[in-house]
Amino acid sequence: MSMVGVSVASNKSLQLEATQEAYNDQIGRLNTFLIKDDTHEETVMVKMIELTQQEATLSQFSAGELGKMCLEIRPSIDKFLEDLRSTPE
């Protein structure tokens, strides 16, 4: 394998790890939200399952795609939680 190939593989490995960590952080946020407020328990659980399923497929994406996903996951969960808080019981 050429040095470029090693560099690309290493970059993808690092980005995959960072993206997995970002997903785990957001799943943790959802868990914490449920501990504080179980009003929307079913909706939050569905979202957690969705995130877990997405995380399981991360290895099929390129480093660039992973980088984008890593940047988008937190704002996505921020919006999800904001929408939940503004939804009447």
N, C-alpha and C. Protein backbone atom coordinates (compact mmCIF):
# COMPACT_ATOMS: atom_id res chain seq x y z
N MET A 1 0.86 -1.17 0.00
CA MET A 1 0.00 0.00 0.00
C MET A 1 0.90 1.23 0.00
N SER A 2 0.57 2.20 -0.81
CA SER A 2 1.37 3.42 -0.89
C SER A 2 1.14 4.28 0.36
N MET A 3 2.02 5.25 0.54
CA MET A 3 1.88 6.16 1.68
C MET A 3 0.58 6.95 1.59
N VAL A 4 0.17 7.27 0.38
CA VAL A 4 -1.09 7.98 0.21
C VAL A 4 -2.24 7.09 0.66
N GLY A 5 -2.19 5.83 0.30
CA GLY A 5 -3.24 4.89 0.73
C GLY A 5 -3.28 4.75 2.23
N VAL A 6 -2.12 4.71 2.86
CA VAL A 6 -2.05 4.62 4.32
C VAL A 6 -2.62 5.88 4.95
N SER A 7 -2.27 7.03 4.38
CA SER A 7 -2.76 8.30 4.90
C SER A 7 -4.28 8.40 4.79
N VAL A 8 -4.83 7.99 3.67
CA VAL A 8 -6.29 8.04 3.46
C VAL A 8 -6.97 7.10 4.44
N ALA A 9 -6.44 5.90 4.59
CA ALA A 9 -7.03 4.93 5.52
C ALA A 9 -6.95 5.43 6.95
N SER A 10 -5.83 6.03 7.30
CA SER A 10 -5.66 6.57 8.65
C SER A 10 -6.64 7.72 8.89
N ASN A 11 -6.77 8.59 7.91
CA ASN A 11 -7.70 9.72 8.02
C ASN A 11 -9.12 9.21 8.20
N LYS A 12 -9.51 8.21 7.42
CA LYS A 12 -10.87 7.68 7.55
C LYS A 12 -11.05 7.04 8.93
N SER A 13 -10.04 6.33 9.40
CA SER A 13 -10.13 5.69 10.71
C SER A 13 -10.32 6.73 11.81
N LEU A 14 -9.56 7.81 11.75
CA LEU A 14 -9.68 8.88 12.74
C LEU A 14 -11.04 9.56 12.65
N GLN A 15 -11.51 9.79 11.43
CA GLN A 15 -12.81 10.44 11.25
C GLN A 15 -13.94 9.53 11.71
N LEU A 16 -13.80 8.23 11.45
CA LEU A 16 -14.81 7.27 11.90
C LEU A 16 -14.90 7.28 13.42
N GLU A 17 -13.74 7.27 14.06
CA GLU A 17 -13.72 7.31 15.53
C GLU A 17 -14.36 8.58 16.07
N ALA A 18 -14.05 9.71 15.47
CA ALA A 18 -14.62 10.99 15.91
C ALA A 18 -16.14 11.02 15.71
N THR A 19 -16.59 10.47 14.60
CA THR A 19 -18.03 10.46 14.32
C THR A 19 -18.76 9.51 15.26
N GLN A 20 -18.16 8.36 15.53
CA GLN A 20 -18.76 7.43 16.49
C GLN A 20 -18.87 8.09 17.87
N GLU A 21 -17.83 8.81 18.25
CA GLU A 21 -17.86 9.51 19.54
C GLU A 21 -18.95 10.57 19.56
N ALA A 22 -19.12 11.28 18.45
CA ALA A 22 -20.17 12.30 18.37
C ALA A 22 -21.55 11.66 18.50
N TYR A 23 -21.74 10.53 17.85
CA TYR A 23 -23.02 9.82 17.97
C TYR A 23 -23.24 9.37 19.41
N ASN A 24 -22.22 8.79 20.02
CA ASN A 24 -22.35 8.33 21.41
C ASN A 24 -22.66 9.49 22.35
N ASP A 25 -22.04 10.64 22.13
CA ASP A 25 -22.32 11.83 22.95
C ASP A 25 -23.79 12.23 22.84
N GLN A 26 -24.33 12.18 21.62
CA GLN A 26 -25.72 12.59 21.43
C GLN A 26 -26.69 11.56 22.00
N ILE A 27 -26.35 10.30 21.91
CA ILE A 27 -27.18 9.27 22.55
C ILE A 27 -27.17 9.49 24.06
N GLY A 28 -26.02 9.85 24.60
CA GLY A 28 -25.92 10.17 26.03
C GLY A 28 -26.78 11.37 26.40
N ARG A 29 -26.80 12.38 25.54
CA ARG A 29 -27.65 13.55 25.79
C ARG A 29 -29.12 13.15 25.83
N LEU A 30 -29.52 12.26 24.93
CA LEU A 30 -30.90 11.82 24.91
C LEU A 30 -31.22 11.02 26.17
N ASN A 31 -30.30 10.19 26.61
CA ASN A 31 -30.49 9.46 27.87
C ASN A 31 -30.66 10.42 29.04
N THR A 32 -29.83 11.43 29.10
CA THR A 32 -29.92 12.43 30.16
C THR A 32 -31.25 13.16 30.10
N PHE A 33 -31.68 13.49 28.91
CA PHE A 33 -32.98 14.16 28.73
C PHE A 33 -34.09 13.29 29.30
N LEU A 34 -34.05 11.98 29.02
CA LEU A 34 -35.08 11.06 29.53
C LEU A 34 -35.06 10.96 31.04
N ILE A 35 -33.89 11.02 31.63
CA ILE A 35 -33.79 10.97 33.09
C ILE A 35 -34.48 12.17 33.71
N LYS A 36 -34.33 13.32 33.08
CA LYS A 36 -34.91 14.55 33.61
C LYS A 36 -36.40 14.71 33.27
N ASP A 37 -36.80 14.18 32.11
CA ASP A 37 -38.17 14.38 31.64
C ASP A 37 -38.58 13.21 30.75
N ASP A 38 -39.46 12.37 31.25
CA ASP A 38 -39.87 11.21 30.46
C ASP A 38 -41.20 11.45 29.74
N THR A 39 -41.60 12.70 29.61
CA THR A 39 -42.86 13.04 28.95
C THR A 39 -42.90 12.51 27.51
N HIS A 40 -41.79 12.60 26.81
CA HIS A 40 -41.71 12.20 25.41
C HIS A 40 -40.87 10.93 25.26
N GLU A 41 -41.00 10.04 26.23
CA GLU A 41 -40.14 8.85 26.28
C GLU A 41 -40.16 8.04 24.98
N GLU A 42 -41.32 7.78 24.44
CA GLU A 42 -41.40 6.95 23.23
C GLU A 42 -40.70 7.62 22.05
N THR A 43 -40.91 8.91 21.88
CA THR A 43 -40.29 9.64 20.77
C THR A 43 -38.77 9.66 20.92
N VAL A 44 -38.30 9.88 22.13
CA VAL A 44 -36.85 9.92 22.38
C VAL A 44 -36.25 8.53 22.16
N MET A 45 -36.93 7.50 22.61
CA MET A 45 -36.42 6.14 22.41
C MET A 45 -36.32 5.80 20.93
N VAL A 46 -37.30 6.22 20.15
CA VAL A 46 -37.26 5.99 18.70
C VAL A 46 -36.04 6.70 18.11
N LYS A 47 -35.79 7.93 18.54
CA LYS A 47 -34.64 8.68 18.04
C LYS A 47 -33.34 8.00 18.44
N MET A 48 -33.26 7.49 19.65
CA MET A 48 -32.05 6.80 20.11
C MET A 48 -31.79 5.54 19.27
N ILE A 49 -32.84 4.81 18.96
CA ILE A 49 -32.69 3.62 18.12
C ILE A 49 -32.22 4.02 16.72
N GLU A 50 -32.79 5.09 16.20
CA GLU A 50 -32.40 5.61 14.89
C GLU A 50 -30.91 5.96 14.87
N LEU A 51 -30.45 6.66 15.90
CA LEU A 51 -29.04 7.03 15.99
C LEU A 51 -28.14 5.81 16.10
N THR A 52 -28.56 4.83 16.88
CA THR A 52 -27.79 3.60 17.04
C THR A 52 -27.68 2.86 15.71
N GLN A 53 -28.76 2.82 14.96
CA GLN A 53 -28.74 2.17 13.65
C GLN A 53 -27.85 2.93 12.67
N GLN A 54 -27.91 4.26 12.71
CA GLN A 54 -27.04 5.06 11.85
C GLN A 54 -25.57 4.83 12.21
N GLU A 55 -25.29 4.81 13.51
CA GLU A 55 -23.92 4.62 13.96
C GLU A 55 -23.37 3.28 13.48
N ALA A 56 -24.21 2.27 13.44
CA ALA A 56 -23.78 0.94 13.01
C ALA A 56 -23.37 0.90 11.54
N THR A 57 -23.79 1.88 10.77
CA THR A 57 -23.47 1.90 9.33
C THR A 57 -22.35 2.89 8.98
N LEU A 58 -21.77 3.54 9.95
CA LEU A 58 -20.80 4.60 9.67
C LEU A 58 -19.59 4.13 8.86
N SER A 59 -19.19 2.89 9.03
CA SER A 59 -17.97 2.42 8.35
C SER A 59 -18.10 2.42 6.83
N GLN A 60 -19.31 2.49 6.31
CA GLN A 60 -19.49 2.47 4.86
C GLN A 60 -19.32 3.84 4.22
N PHE A 61 -19.13 4.88 5.01
CA PHE A 61 -19.01 6.23 4.48
C PHE A 61 -17.56 6.65 4.32
N SER A 62 -17.33 7.60 3.43
CA SER A 62 -15.98 8.13 3.23
C SER A 62 -15.62 9.08 4.37
N ALA A 63 -14.34 9.41 4.46
CA ALA A 63 -13.88 10.33 5.51
C ALA A 63 -14.60 11.67 5.40
N GLY A 64 -14.79 12.16 4.18
CA GLY A 64 -15.48 13.43 3.97
C GLY A 64 -16.93 13.39 4.43
N GLU A 65 -17.60 12.30 4.10
CA GLU A 65 -18.99 12.13 4.52
C GLU A 65 -19.08 12.02 6.04
N LEU A 66 -18.14 11.30 6.64
CA LEU A 66 -18.11 11.16 8.10
C LEU A 66 -17.90 12.52 8.76
N GLY A 67 -17.01 13.31 8.19
CA GLY A 67 -16.75 14.64 8.74
C GLY A 67 -18.01 15.49 8.74
N LYS A 68 -18.75 15.42 7.65
CA LYS A 68 -19.99 16.18 7.55
C LYS A 68 -21.00 15.67 8.58
N MET A 69 -21.12 14.35 8.70
CA MET A 69 -22.05 13.76 9.66
C MET A 69 -21.68 14.15 11.09
N CYS A 70 -20.38 14.15 11.35
CA CYS A 70 -19.88 14.51 12.69
C CYS A 70 -20.29 15.94 13.05
N LEU A 71 -20.20 16.82 12.09
CA LEU A 71 -20.56 18.22 12.32
C LEU A 71 -22.07 18.44 12.43
N GLU A 72 -22.84 17.60 11.77
CA GLU A 72 -24.29 17.79 11.72
C GLU A 72 -25.06 17.12 12.85
N ILE A 73 -24.47 16.13 13.51
CA ILE A 73 -25.23 15.35 14.48
C ILE A 73 -25.68 16.19 15.69
N ARG A 74 -24.80 16.99 16.25
CA ARG A 74 -25.19 17.78 17.42
C ARG A 74 -26.29 18.79 17.10
N PRO A 75 -26.15 19.60 16.04
CA PRO A 75 -27.25 20.52 15.71
C PRO A 75 -28.57 19.79 15.43
N SER A 76 -28.47 18.61 14.86
CA SER A 76 -29.67 17.81 14.59
C SER A 76 -30.37 17.43 15.89
N ILE A 77 -29.62 16.99 16.88
CA ILE A 77 -30.20 16.61 18.17
C ILE A 77 -30.65 17.85 18.92
N ASP A 78 -29.92 18.95 18.81
CA ASP A 78 -30.36 20.21 19.41
C ASP A 78 -31.76 20.57 18.90
N LYS A 79 -31.94 20.48 17.59
CA LYS A 79 -33.24 20.80 16.98
C LYS A 79 -34.31 19.82 17.44
N PHE A 80 -33.97 18.54 17.48
CA PHE A 80 -34.91 17.51 17.94
C PHE A 80 -35.38 17.81 19.36
N LEU A 81 -34.45 18.12 20.26
CA LEU A 81 -34.81 18.41 21.65
C LEU A 81 -35.59 19.71 21.77
N GLU A 82 -35.21 20.69 20.98
CA GLU A 82 -35.94 21.97 20.97
C GLU A 82 -37.39 21.75 20.54
N ASP A 83 -37.57 20.95 19.50
CA ASP A 83 -38.93 20.66 19.03
C ASP A 83 -39.73 19.92 20.10
N LEU A 84 -39.10 19.00 20.80
CA LEU A 84 -39.79 18.27 21.88
C LEU A 84 -40.24 19.21 22.99
N ARG A 85 -39.36 20.12 23.36
CA ARG A 85 -39.68 21.05 24.44
C ARG A 85 -40.82 21.98 24.08
N SER A 86 -40.97 22.26 22.79
CA SER A 86 -42.04 23.18 22.37
C SER A 86 -43.34 22.45 22.03
N THR A 87 -43.30 21.10 22.08
CA THR A 87 -44.50 20.31 21.81
C THR A 87 -45.29 20.12 23.09
N PRO A 88 -46.57 20.47 23.05
CA PRO A 88 -47.39 20.25 24.26
C PRO A 88 -47.52 18.76 24.56
N GLU A 89 -47.71 18.47 25.83
CA GLU A 89 -47.83 17.08 26.27
C GLU A 89 -49.02 16.40 25.71
